[in-house]
Each structure stands twice: as C-alpha cells, then as structure tokens.
C-alpha cells in the first residue's frame, strides 16, 4: 500500500513537472513568428502523453484551460488557438475511453445518443434547405457536440470515487480563487462586467450564472452533508461576486433557484425546515445587498431615494422590453421578435432556422455572419440560448437540444433520490440545480451552452453522476448473484 501511494505521488509530481515545463515552453514558442504550427507540433505529443497516463490529470488540464484560457488570450499572453488544446484533450480522451471499452469487449455506455442523432438530422435538413455552408455546419455542431463527447467520455472512464472527489476539490479551489480575483479587479476597474474572475477580461453572463451554480451546490452540501463554514462562505462570497459584477439578473433568478431546490427537499421535513429558514435569510440578504449596491436597481442612480423594490421591478421590465428605432435590445422583446420573424418566413424557417452556423460568432472572420443576420432580425442585444438556436436550426432543433438538458436533469434527480451517502446525495442535488440553471438561463437569459467554463463542467460533472449510478447498479447486481430468490 505504501509503495502504491509512493508510486502515485511520483507519478503526480512527474505530471506536475511536465505541466510546468510545458507552460515555459509554450511561452517561448509564442514569441516565435510561427508559433501556431510550433505549438501544435510540440503540444500534440505532450497531450497524447498526458491522456495516455492519467484520466484525472487530463480532466484537470481541461478544467484549468477553461478557467484561465480566455483571460490569457484576451491579455495577449496566449494565442487564440490555445483553446483548441482543451478540445483536443477531450477528443483524445474520448478515443481512449471508447477504445478501452471496445478492446475489453465491455459495453460502451451512450446516454442521450438518440437526441444528438436527432439534432444531427435536423441540422443536416437545415443545411440542405438553406445552403449555409459546410464550414458553418461544422462550426455550429462543434459547440454542442464537443462537451457531449466529454459527457460520454466521463461515463465510460469509470473513475474511482477518490479521483472524482479530488477533481471536485480542484474545482472548489478554482471557484474560491474567483472571489479574490474579482475583488482585485473591482479595485482596478470598478464595479461592472470587467470585475470578474480568471475566466475572461469581461463576461457579464457568467457573473450571473456562476454564483447561481456555486450557491446551489453550497446549499445542497450544507443542508444534506456537513454544516461547514466553507459553504456559508461560498454563498456569501458569490452573492458579493454577482454584485461586484453589477449583475441585475442574479437577484431575479435566485428566488427561482431557491424554490426549485426547496421542491426537491420538500419530502424530507427536517431538511426542508432548515432549508426554508436558510433560504429565506439568504434571499433577504441577497435582495437587500443587490438593491443597495447594484446602481441601476436603486432610485438614487437616477434620482434621490433608497431601496425601492417597485422601482427595481419596473426597471427590469423596461430593460427586458427595450426597443430603439425598431431594433430590440431587451431579452424578452428580442425573443418575441425572433419568434415572429421566423414564423413570418414560413414553416421551414420556423422549424429549421436559417441554417446551422448562419447566425454565430466565429474567430474566422470570413465565417462570422452573426452581426449581419442579427440586423435582418432587427436584433441589437438580448439573444438567449433558445433564440440563438432557433435562428440557426429552428425551434425543432432548439427543443431537441433542450431535451438533452432535461434528460440529464432527470438522471441527476433520480441519483439524488436513490443515493444514500450524504456526499454523493448532495452532489446529485447540486447537479440537479445546475441542470435547472442551464435550462432556465438558456431559455430566457443568454447562450450559456456556448460558454466553455459552464458547459464543460456541466457535462463533465453530469457524466460523473451517470458513471457513479452505473457502478452502483453493477455492484448491486453482482452482490445478488448466487443468492436464492425468496
């Protein structure tokens, strides 16, 4: 046992040393005129080595890439191509997981495959009907499929409980790091969308999404697992995180999340009572803080006055229904605008959109038609995930992809209800809340599925839930073999 532990430590130190050397080498390569090709030539074998030697370290590298990559790119420290690394790691790990299963003649677990198959068919029909281009089709499908592949990969990797817990600890550490970084940026730039964590230099949507996800997990673990100060700290810190980011939407989605979580706790009277008290205090504290410290939610931003909930609600309604010169800027009016626009174009456009990739931003300038087609819809701002998908592959394609989110939420909810261990039960409830946030925010707020930080961790952690449940069923099946029926 001691020898095994020592070997594991040496292996981890070797990988850590490799990662450090890789970071130095990457920095040196970037200074070269041909850094994209050199980067690919050097990183290809290194990526293969990491994936071959450690599933856990591969997941860690992917997580680190999405937590820091876009920030370093926008600071011009890394090239834009750097974010292809994490997608390469996902693909290599996917090939490894499926190859191992096939060689061992074990069953390859596929969850939601029929949904993705339906999305591919709908996208192909839309592509043929609109002639949006093969490159656009590929770039569009890349967004939902890359992390679905990670989802399948994690399901088939069969990571141990210790590996999962270590990965979760890393995520908690990276999440905590976001708070001091946001505070430091607040003192540098002031309150607003530039006062965020390590994931970018500006990112308003994540300042709403990340606090909701973190608070959902913290509440789940505090109520069901352990009454640790860490969870209270995370709740309070991420209320502050959203306020530092100046996000108004957070305070309107938080009650929905609290009610949703309470719905799943309602049958456990003891936990539900504790949660009701904590949730009420949390909501009051968050509401008071937001109305006090988010400038646009208090009357004194425009005129004299203190806290005024009626004013905040009126501002939210005006903000979400704003139009200027016939162009929609509010999220609600933009969703309605696109719905009517597609319906007026006829059933093919309504069902299948204007072609996959026809309305999307791309790093490839020749393929970036986002702004042009948004003008056709008279849209200036406020595109939700549902609306964006509808413009590309119609409402049929959009609802198909939402079906995958609902399927994952259902599996997480079943895991929460059947699991007995408090750690994993809390994890299941936290992931059920995470899935709910993904659904409600993609429906009404923003293109959350396209955000690497959120999407990667959602599909990865969902895969861990499905994998854990699968192993649990296999254990129960094996334990009953040989016992006579009664």
Protein backbone atom coordinates (compact mmCIF):
# COMPACT_ATOMS: atom_id res chain seq x y z
CA UNK A 1 0.00 0.00 0.00
CA UNK A 2 2.82 2.41 0.93
CA UNK A 3 4.64 1.51 -2.27
CA UNK A 4 1.50 2.13 -4.30
CA UNK A 5 0.95 5.52 -2.66
CA UNK A 6 4.59 6.49 -3.23
CA UNK A 7 4.32 5.50 -6.88
CA UNK A 8 1.18 7.59 -7.25
CA UNK A 9 2.89 10.61 -5.67
CA UNK A 10 5.87 10.27 -8.02
CA UNK A 11 3.52 9.96 -10.99
CA UNK A 12 1.62 13.09 -9.97
CA UNK A 13 4.85 15.04 -9.40
CA UNK A 14 6.10 13.97 -12.82
CA UNK A 15 2.92 15.20 -14.45
CA UNK A 16 3.09 18.45 -12.47
CA UNK A 17 6.68 18.95 -13.58
CA UNK A 18 5.64 18.24 -17.15
CA UNK A 19 2.84 20.81 -16.93
CA UNK A 20 5.25 23.44 -15.56
CA UNK A 21 7.80 22.73 -18.28
CA UNK A 22 5.03 22.83 -20.85
CA UNK A 23 3.94 26.28 -19.65
CA UNK A 24 7.51 27.63 -20.02
CA UNK A 25 7.90 26.01 -23.44
CA UNK A 26 4.56 27.43 -24.58
CA UNK A 27 5.60 30.94 -23.53
CA UNK A 28 8.84 30.60 -25.51
CA UNK A 29 7.05 29.24 -28.59
CA UNK A 30 4.58 32.12 -28.60
CA UNK A 31 7.46 34.53 -29.14
CA UNK A 32 8.24 32.76 -32.41
CA UNK A 33 6.76 34.05 -35.69
CA UNK A 34 5.36 30.59 -36.49
CA UNK A 35 4.03 29.86 -33.04
CA UNK A 36 0.69 28.23 -34.09
CA UNK A 37 2.47 25.45 -36.03
CA UNK A 38 5.21 25.06 -33.44
CA UNK A 39 2.62 24.97 -30.68
CA UNK A 40 0.73 22.19 -32.43
CA UNK A 41 3.92 20.23 -33.14
CA UNK A 42 5.04 20.35 -29.51
CA UNK A 43 1.71 20.07 -27.74
CA UNK A 44 0.38 17.17 -29.82
CA UNK A 45 2.75 14.54 -28.36
CA UNK A 46 2.51 16.08 -24.88
CA UNK A 47 -1.29 15.96 -24.94
CA UNK A 48 -1.15 12.33 -26.06
CA UNK A 49 1.29 11.54 -23.21
CA UNK A 50 -0.94 13.15 -20.55
CA UNK A 51 -4.12 11.48 -21.83
CA UNK A 52 -2.39 8.08 -22.02
CA UNK A 53 -1.03 8.29 -18.47
CA UNK A 54 -3.79 9.89 -16.42
CA UNK A 55 -7.53 10.36 -16.91
CA UNK A 56 -7.71 12.60 -13.84
CA UNK A 57 -4.88 14.88 -14.93
CA UNK A 58 -6.42 15.20 -18.39
CA UNK A 59 -9.67 16.41 -16.83
CA UNK A 60 -7.69 18.77 -14.61
CA UNK A 61 -5.89 20.26 -17.62
CA UNK A 62 -9.21 20.75 -19.44
CA UNK A 63 -10.67 22.46 -16.38
CA UNK A 64 -7.65 24.73 -16.00
CA UNK A 65 -7.84 25.67 -19.69
CA UNK A 66 -11.45 26.85 -19.43
CA UNK A 67 -10.82 28.66 -16.14
CA UNK A 68 -7.82 30.64 -17.45
CA UNK A 69 -7.59 30.31 -21.24
CA UNK A 70 -9.83 33.12 -22.50
CA UNK A 71 -8.41 35.58 -19.94
CA UNK A 72 -4.83 34.89 -21.02
CA UNK A 73 -5.84 35.07 -24.69
CA UNK A 74 -7.51 38.47 -24.23
CA UNK A 75 -4.42 39.70 -22.38
CA UNK A 76 -2.41 38.66 -25.47
CA UNK A 77 -0.35 36.27 -23.38
CA UNK A 78 -1.56 33.23 -25.32
CA UNK A 79 -2.72 32.89 -28.94
CA UNK A 80 -6.40 32.36 -29.76
CA UNK A 81 -5.55 28.81 -30.86
CA UNK A 82 -4.74 27.90 -27.25
CA UNK A 83 -8.40 27.00 -26.56
CA UNK A 84 -8.16 24.27 -29.20
CA UNK A 85 -5.96 22.40 -26.72
CA UNK A 86 -8.80 21.54 -24.38
CA UNK A 87 -10.92 20.34 -27.31
CA UNK A 88 -8.01 18.19 -28.47
CA UNK A 89 -7.74 16.72 -24.97
CA UNK A 90 -11.47 15.95 -24.97
CA UNK A 91 -11.20 14.17 -28.32
CA UNK A 92 -8.13 12.13 -27.31
CA UNK A 93 -9.72 11.14 -24.00
CA UNK A 94 -12.93 10.17 -25.82
CA UNK A 95 -10.97 7.92 -28.20
CA UNK A 96 -9.10 6.39 -25.27
CA UNK A 97 -12.26 5.68 -23.25
CA UNK A 98 -14.12 4.06 -26.15
CA UNK A 99 -11.05 2.20 -27.38
CA UNK A 100 -10.51 0.70 -23.93
CA UNK A 101 -14.13 -0.44 -23.74
CA UNK A 102 -14.01 -1.99 -27.20
CA UNK A 103 -10.70 -3.79 -26.60
CA UNK A 104 -12.00 -5.18 -23.31
CA UNK A 105 -15.25 -6.13 -25.05
CA UNK A 106 -17.22 -4.15 -22.49
CA UNK A 107 -20.43 -2.33 -23.26
CA UNK A 108 -19.98 1.28 -24.39
CA UNK A 109 -22.43 3.42 -22.41
CA UNK A 110 -24.25 6.01 -24.51
CA UNK A 111 -26.71 8.38 -22.86
CA UNK A 112 -28.76 10.78 -24.96
CA UNK A 113 -27.38 9.43 -28.21
CA UNK A 114 -30.79 9.48 -29.89
CA UNK A 115 -31.15 13.19 -29.01
CA UNK A 116 -27.80 14.07 -30.60
CA UNK A 117 -28.69 11.91 -33.61
CA UNK A 118 -31.94 13.87 -33.96
CA UNK A 119 -30.02 17.16 -33.72
CA UNK A 120 -27.64 15.99 -36.47
CA UNK A 121 -30.57 15.10 -38.74
CA UNK A 122 -32.31 18.43 -38.11
CA UNK A 123 -29.06 20.33 -38.68
CA UNK A 124 -28.47 18.47 -41.94
CA UNK A 125 -32.02 19.23 -43.14
CA UNK A 126 -31.49 22.89 -42.26
CA UNK A 127 -28.12 22.86 -44.02
CA UNK A 128 -29.62 21.39 -47.21
CA UNK A 129 -32.62 23.74 -47.16
CA UNK A 130 -30.59 26.90 -46.60
CA UNK A 131 -27.19 26.12 -48.12
CA UNK A 132 -25.42 27.74 -45.17
CA UNK A 133 -22.06 26.14 -45.99
CA UNK A 134 -20.14 23.07 -44.81
CA UNK A 135 -17.76 25.16 -42.67
CA UNK A 136 -20.67 26.81 -40.88
CA UNK A 137 -22.31 23.42 -40.31
CA UNK A 138 -19.11 22.07 -38.76
CA UNK A 139 -18.53 25.11 -36.55
CA UNK A 140 -22.12 25.07 -35.32
CA UNK A 141 -22.19 21.35 -34.47
CA UNK A 142 -18.83 21.65 -32.76
CA UNK A 143 -20.37 23.79 -29.98
CA UNK A 144 -22.92 21.30 -28.57
CA UNK A 145 -21.10 18.09 -29.52
CA UNK A 146 -17.61 18.77 -28.10
CA UNK A 147 -18.75 18.63 -24.47
CA UNK A 148 -21.32 15.93 -25.17
CA UNK A 149 -18.31 13.83 -26.17
CA UNK A 150 -16.76 14.72 -22.79
CA UNK A 151 -20.02 13.62 -21.14
CA UNK A 152 -19.81 10.21 -22.85
CA UNK A 153 -16.09 10.01 -22.10
CA UNK A 154 -16.52 10.50 -18.37
CA UNK A 155 -19.35 7.95 -18.28
CA UNK A 156 -17.10 5.33 -19.86
CA UNK A 157 -13.89 6.14 -17.97
CA UNK A 158 -15.11 4.59 -14.69
CA UNK A 159 -13.19 6.99 -12.46
CA UNK A 160 -12.85 5.96 -8.83
CA UNK A 161 -14.64 7.82 -6.04
CA UNK A 162 -11.32 9.21 -4.82
CA UNK A 163 -10.49 10.55 -8.28
CA UNK A 164 -13.89 12.23 -8.53
CA UNK A 165 -13.53 13.79 -5.09
CA UNK A 166 -10.03 15.06 -5.94
CA UNK A 167 -11.37 16.59 -9.14
CA UNK A 168 -14.21 18.21 -7.21
CA UNK A 169 -11.71 19.65 -4.71
CA UNK A 170 -9.77 21.21 -7.57
CA UNK A 171 -12.96 22.83 -8.90
CA UNK A 172 -13.82 24.16 -5.44
CA UNK A 173 -10.32 25.65 -5.18
CA UNK A 174 -10.62 27.29 -8.61
CA UNK A 175 -14.08 28.59 -7.71
CA UNK A 176 -12.81 30.14 -4.47
CA UNK A 177 -9.97 31.78 -6.43
CA UNK A 178 -12.54 33.71 -8.48
CA UNK A 179 -13.53 35.79 -5.45
CA UNK A 180 -10.18 37.47 -4.61
CA UNK A 181 -9.51 37.95 -8.35
CA UNK A 182 -12.88 39.70 -8.74
CA UNK A 183 -12.16 41.87 -5.69
CA UNK A 184 -8.76 42.84 -7.11
CA UNK A 185 -10.35 43.70 -10.46
CA UNK A 186 -13.01 45.72 -8.63
CA UNK A 187 -10.33 47.95 -7.14
CA UNK A 188 -8.63 48.23 -10.54
CA UNK A 189 -11.64 48.75 -12.81
CA UNK A 190 -14.59 49.45 -10.53
CA UNK A 191 -17.93 47.65 -10.38
CA UNK A 192 -19.09 46.10 -13.64
CA UNK A 193 -18.50 43.35 -16.16
CA UNK A 194 -14.72 43.73 -16.05
CA UNK A 195 -14.66 42.94 -12.32
CA UNK A 196 -14.85 39.17 -12.75
CA UNK A 197 -12.72 36.09 -12.12
CA UNK A 198 -9.94 34.38 -14.04
CA UNK A 199 -12.09 33.14 -16.92
CA UNK A 200 -12.03 36.33 -19.04
CA UNK A 201 -11.38 40.07 -19.04
CA UNK A 202 -15.10 40.80 -19.37
CA UNK A 203 -18.06 38.49 -19.04
CA UNK A 204 -21.43 39.60 -17.76
CA UNK A 205 -23.38 36.39 -18.30
CA UNK A 206 -21.02 34.32 -16.13
CA UNK A 207 -21.33 36.85 -13.30
CA UNK A 208 -24.97 35.74 -13.11
CA UNK A 209 -24.53 32.05 -13.93
CA UNK A 210 -21.53 31.11 -11.78
CA UNK A 211 -22.94 32.48 -8.48
CA UNK A 212 -26.22 30.61 -9.01
CA UNK A 213 -24.38 27.33 -9.67
CA UNK A 214 -22.00 27.73 -6.72
CA UNK A 215 -24.76 28.74 -4.30
CA UNK A 216 -26.88 25.78 -5.46
CA UNK A 217 -24.06 23.34 -4.65
CA UNK A 218 -23.18 25.09 -1.37
CA UNK A 219 -26.79 24.95 -0.15
CA UNK A 220 -27.09 21.27 -1.12
CA UNK A 221 -23.94 20.28 0.77
CA UNK A 222 -24.74 22.45 3.79
CA UNK A 223 -28.24 21.01 4.21
CA UNK A 224 -27.56 17.36 3.37
CA UNK A 225 -23.87 16.74 4.10
CA UNK A 226 -21.99 18.87 6.64
CA UNK A 227 -22.60 22.23 8.31
CA UNK A 228 -19.23 23.63 7.26
CA UNK A 229 -18.35 27.32 7.32
CA UNK A 230 -16.93 26.84 3.81
CA UNK A 231 -20.42 26.52 2.36
CA UNK A 232 -21.68 29.66 4.11
CA UNK A 233 -18.58 31.50 2.91
CA UNK A 234 -19.22 30.40 -0.69
CA UNK A 235 -22.86 31.53 -0.51
CA UNK A 236 -22.00 34.97 0.86
CA UNK A 237 -18.90 35.36 -1.34
CA UNK A 238 -20.81 34.67 -4.54
CA UNK A 239 -23.64 36.99 -3.64
CA UNK A 240 -20.87 39.57 -3.40
CA UNK A 241 -19.34 38.25 -6.64
CA UNK A 242 -22.53 38.99 -8.60
CA UNK A 243 -22.80 42.45 -7.03
CA UNK A 244 -19.18 43.27 -7.88
CA UNK A 245 -20.04 42.28 -11.45
CA UNK A 246 -23.04 44.62 -11.27
CA UNK A 247 -25.45 41.91 -12.40
CA UNK A 248 -29.14 42.72 -12.00
CA UNK A 249 -30.40 39.37 -13.31
CA UNK A 250 -28.88 37.41 -10.40
CA UNK A 251 -31.40 38.68 -7.87
CA UNK A 252 -34.32 37.74 -10.14
CA UNK A 253 -33.10 34.20 -10.85
CA UNK A 254 -32.01 33.45 -7.28
CA UNK A 255 -35.60 33.06 -5.96
CA UNK A 256 -36.36 30.60 -8.78
CA UNK A 257 -33.32 28.55 -7.87
CA UNK A 258 -34.20 28.60 -4.14
CA UNK A 259 -37.79 27.48 -4.82
CA UNK A 260 -36.59 24.76 -7.22
CA UNK A 261 -34.12 23.35 -4.68
CA UNK A 262 -36.79 23.51 -1.96
CA UNK A 263 -39.14 21.47 -4.17
CA UNK A 264 -36.67 18.57 -4.12
CA UNK A 265 -36.23 18.83 -0.35
CA UNK A 266 -39.95 19.03 0.45
CA UNK A 267 -40.35 15.33 1.35
CA UNK A 268 -37.55 15.49 3.93
CA UNK A 269 -39.33 17.54 6.61
CA UNK A 270 -36.25 18.09 8.77
CA UNK A 271 -34.03 19.21 5.87
CA UNK A 272 -36.85 21.24 4.34
CA UNK A 273 -37.41 23.19 7.57
CA UNK A 274 -33.71 24.03 7.88
CA UNK A 275 -33.54 24.92 4.23
CA UNK A 276 -36.62 27.15 4.44
CA UNK A 277 -35.02 29.20 7.22
CA UNK A 278 -31.64 29.39 5.50
CA UNK A 279 -33.18 30.10 2.09
CA UNK A 280 -35.33 32.92 3.47
CA UNK A 281 -32.36 34.56 5.21
CA UNK A 282 -30.25 34.12 2.07
CA UNK A 283 -32.90 35.66 -0.16
CA UNK A 284 -33.41 38.65 2.13
CA UNK A 285 -29.64 39.24 2.40
CA UNK A 286 -29.16 38.94 -1.36
CA UNK A 287 -32.13 41.17 -2.14
CA UNK A 288 -31.03 43.84 0.33
CA UNK A 289 -27.46 43.75 -1.00
CA UNK A 290 -28.48 43.92 -4.65
CA UNK A 291 -30.97 46.76 -4.14
CA UNK A 292 -28.37 48.65 -2.14
CA UNK A 293 -25.22 48.12 -4.18
CA UNK A 294 -26.24 47.47 -7.80
CA UNK A 295 -26.58 51.07 -9.07
CA UNK A 296 -29.25 50.53 -11.71
CA UNK A 297 -31.59 48.82 -9.21
CA UNK A 298 -31.79 51.73 -6.81
CA UNK A 299 -33.62 55.00 -7.47
CA UNK A 300 -30.64 57.12 -6.35
CA UNK A 301 -28.89 56.08 -9.59
CA UNK A 302 -31.25 58.44 -11.40
CA UNK A 303 -32.85 60.39 -8.61
CA UNK A 304 -32.79 60.64 -4.83
CA UNK A 305 -34.04 57.67 -2.85
CA UNK A 306 -33.10 54.45 -1.07
CA UNK A 307 -34.19 50.85 -1.54
CA UNK A 308 -37.28 50.56 -3.71
CA UNK A 309 -38.37 47.08 -4.86
CA UNK A 310 -41.11 48.52 -7.04
CA UNK A 311 -38.55 50.66 -8.86
CA UNK A 312 -36.24 47.64 -9.37
CA UNK A 313 -39.08 45.57 -10.85
CA UNK A 314 -40.14 48.43 -13.13
CA UNK A 315 -36.54 48.87 -14.28
CA UNK A 316 -36.24 45.13 -15.01
CA UNK A 317 -39.43 45.21 -17.11
CA UNK A 318 -38.26 48.27 -19.06
CA UNK A 319 -34.80 46.78 -19.56
CA UNK A 320 -36.15 43.50 -20.94
CA UNK A 321 -38.64 45.16 -23.29
CA UNK A 322 -36.41 47.95 -24.61
CA UNK A 323 -36.52 48.80 -28.31
CA UNK A 324 -34.77 51.65 -30.12
CA UNK A 325 -35.51 52.59 -33.70
CA UNK A 326 -37.36 49.34 -34.31
CA UNK A 327 -34.40 47.29 -33.07
CA UNK A 328 -34.89 45.07 -30.00
CA UNK A 329 -32.42 45.27 -27.12
CA UNK A 330 -34.32 43.69 -24.23
CA UNK A 331 -34.14 39.92 -23.79
CA UNK A 332 -37.91 39.40 -23.67
CA UNK A 333 -38.69 41.55 -26.70
CA UNK A 334 -35.79 40.03 -28.66
CA UNK A 335 -37.13 36.51 -28.05
CA UNK A 336 -40.60 37.61 -29.21
CA UNK A 337 -39.11 39.48 -32.17
CA UNK A 338 -37.19 36.44 -33.45
CA UNK A 339 -40.19 34.14 -32.88
CA UNK A 340 -42.47 36.34 -35.02
CA UNK A 341 -39.74 36.85 -37.63
CA UNK A 342 -39.18 33.13 -38.13
CA UNK A 343 -42.91 32.42 -38.16
CA UNK A 344 -43.45 35.04 -40.87
CA UNK A 345 -40.75 33.39 -43.00
CA UNK A 346 -42.82 30.21 -43.11
CA UNK A 347 -42.81 26.74 -41.55
CA UNK A 348 -39.37 25.65 -42.90
CA UNK A 349 -37.62 28.66 -41.32
CA UNK A 350 -39.64 28.34 -38.10
CA UNK A 351 -38.87 24.65 -37.71
CA UNK A 352 -35.32 24.51 -39.15
CA UNK A 353 -33.99 28.09 -38.93
CA UNK A 354 -31.76 29.86 -41.45
CA UNK A 355 -29.06 27.21 -41.48
CA UNK A 356 -26.60 25.86 -38.88
CA UNK A 357 -23.85 28.39 -38.24
CA UNK A 358 -25.58 31.17 -40.15
CA UNK A 359 -26.06 33.26 -37.01
CA UNK A 360 -22.98 32.82 -34.87
CA UNK A 361 -19.73 34.49 -33.98
CA UNK A 362 -16.50 32.86 -35.10
CA UNK A 363 -12.78 33.51 -34.74
CA UNK A 364 -12.69 33.00 -38.53
CA UNK A 365 -13.68 36.43 -39.89
CA UNK A 366 -14.86 35.07 -43.24
CA UNK A 367 -17.36 32.84 -41.41
CA UNK A 368 -18.56 35.39 -38.85
CA UNK A 369 -22.06 36.25 -40.08
CA UNK A 370 -23.51 36.95 -36.64
CA UNK A 371 -23.95 40.71 -36.86
CA UNK A 372 -25.19 40.67 -40.48
CA UNK A 373 -28.04 38.28 -39.82
CA UNK A 374 -28.92 39.85 -36.48
CA UNK A 375 -29.63 43.01 -38.45
CA UNK A 376 -32.06 41.00 -40.59
CA UNK A 377 -33.92 40.15 -37.39
CA UNK A 378 -33.69 43.74 -36.09
CA UNK A 379 -31.87 42.47 -33.02
CA UNK A 380 -29.32 44.61 -31.22
CA UNK A 381 -28.94 42.68 -27.95
CA UNK A 382 -30.59 40.13 -25.69
CA UNK A 383 -30.24 36.83 -27.58
CA UNK A 384 -30.98 33.85 -25.33
CA UNK A 385 -29.78 30.31 -25.95
CA UNK A 386 -33.22 29.30 -27.22
CA UNK A 387 -33.38 32.26 -29.61
CA UNK A 388 -29.85 31.67 -30.92
CA UNK A 389 -30.56 28.01 -31.60
CA UNK A 390 -33.88 28.87 -33.27
CA UNK A 391 -32.19 31.30 -35.67
CA UNK A 392 -29.67 28.61 -36.65
CA UNK A 393 -31.62 25.33 -36.68
CA UNK A 394 -35.18 26.40 -35.88
CA UNK A 395 -37.32 25.68 -32.88
CA UNK A 396 -37.29 21.98 -33.65
CA UNK A 397 -33.50 21.91 -33.34
CA UNK A 398 -33.58 24.12 -30.24
CA UNK A 399 -36.12 21.97 -28.40
CA UNK A 400 -34.16 18.84 -29.35
CA UNK A 401 -31.03 20.16 -27.65
CA UNK A 402 -33.05 21.24 -24.62
CA UNK A 403 -34.28 17.66 -24.47
CA UNK A 404 -30.71 16.61 -23.65
CA UNK A 405 -30.60 19.08 -20.74
CA UNK A 406 -33.92 17.76 -19.40
CA UNK A 407 -32.67 14.16 -19.71
CA UNK A 408 -29.54 15.00 -17.73
CA UNK A 409 -31.58 16.82 -15.07
CA UNK A 410 -33.85 13.79 -14.74
CA UNK A 411 -30.87 11.45 -14.25
CA UNK A 412 -29.32 13.75 -11.66
CA UNK A 413 -32.64 13.96 -9.79
CA UNK A 414 -33.01 10.16 -9.77
CA UNK A 415 -29.45 9.83 -8.47
CA UNK A 416 -30.22 12.32 -5.65
CA UNK A 417 -33.37 10.42 -4.64
CA UNK A 418 -31.79 6.96 -4.64
CA UNK A 419 -28.29 7.66 -3.28
CA UNK A 420 -27.78 7.10 0.46
CA UNK A 421 -24.31 8.54 1.05
CA UNK A 422 -24.66 12.20 2.08
CA UNK A 423 -21.68 13.42 0.00
CA UNK A 424 -22.92 11.89 -3.24
CA UNK A 425 -26.55 12.71 -2.48
CA UNK A 426 -25.56 16.37 -2.07
CA UNK A 427 -23.61 16.15 -5.31
CA UNK A 428 -26.69 14.78 -7.07
CA UNK A 429 -28.92 17.57 -5.74
CA UNK A 430 -26.34 20.21 -6.67
CA UNK A 431 -26.18 18.83 -10.21
CA UNK A 432 -29.99 18.81 -10.44
CA UNK A 433 -29.92 22.51 -9.59
CA UNK A 434 -27.07 23.05 -12.08
CA UNK A 435 -29.18 21.43 -14.83
CA UNK A 436 -32.16 23.62 -13.90
CA UNK A 437 -29.97 26.73 -14.13
CA UNK A 438 -28.69 25.60 -17.54
CA UNK A 439 -32.26 25.18 -18.77
CA UNK A 440 -33.81 28.35 -17.37
CA UNK A 441 -30.90 30.63 -18.31
CA UNK A 442 -30.62 29.20 -21.83
CA UNK A 443 -34.36 29.69 -22.25
CA UNK A 444 -34.50 33.28 -21.08
CA UNK A 445 -31.10 34.85 -20.47
CA UNK A 446 -28.08 34.00 -22.59
CA UNK A 447 -26.20 31.45 -24.70
CA UNK A 448 -24.95 29.53 -21.68
CA UNK A 449 -24.31 26.33 -23.64
CA UNK A 450 -21.66 28.16 -25.67
CA UNK A 451 -19.68 29.26 -22.60
CA UNK A 452 -16.72 26.91 -22.10
CA UNK A 453 -16.46 27.33 -18.34
CA UNK A 454 -20.07 26.43 -17.60
CA UNK A 455 -20.75 23.97 -20.41
CA UNK A 456 -17.57 21.94 -19.91
CA UNK A 457 -18.12 21.49 -16.18
CA UNK A 458 -21.83 20.80 -16.58
CA UNK A 459 -21.32 17.92 -18.99
CA UNK A 460 -18.25 16.61 -17.16
CA UNK A 461 -19.94 16.56 -13.73
CA UNK A 462 -23.12 15.13 -15.26
CA UNK A 463 -21.03 12.32 -16.68
CA UNK A 464 -19.63 11.64 -13.21
CA UNK A 465 -23.19 11.32 -11.88
CA UNK A 466 -24.20 8.83 -14.58
CA UNK A 467 -20.96 6.87 -14.13
CA UNK A 468 -21.41 6.69 -10.36
CA UNK A 469 -25.00 5.48 -10.75
CA UNK A 470 -23.92 2.87 -13.31
CA UNK A 471 -21.25 1.47 -10.99
CA UNK A 472 -23.75 1.44 -8.13
CA UNK A 473 -26.19 -0.68 -10.17
CA UNK A 474 -23.39 -3.01 -11.27
CA UNK A 475 -22.37 -3.50 -7.62
CA UNK A 476 -25.95 -4.33 -6.60
CA UNK A 477 -26.29 -6.76 -9.49
CA UNK A 478 -23.04 -8.55 -8.59
CA UNK A 479 -23.91 -8.68 -4.88
CA UNK A 480 -27.18 -10.51 -5.59
CA UNK A 481 -25.64 -13.14 -7.90
CA UNK A 482 -25.79 -16.61 -6.34
CA UNK A 483 -28.44 -15.76 -3.76
CA UNK A 484 -31.63 -17.82 -3.99
CA UNK A 485 -34.86 -15.97 -4.62
CA UNK A 486 -37.42 -15.86 -1.85
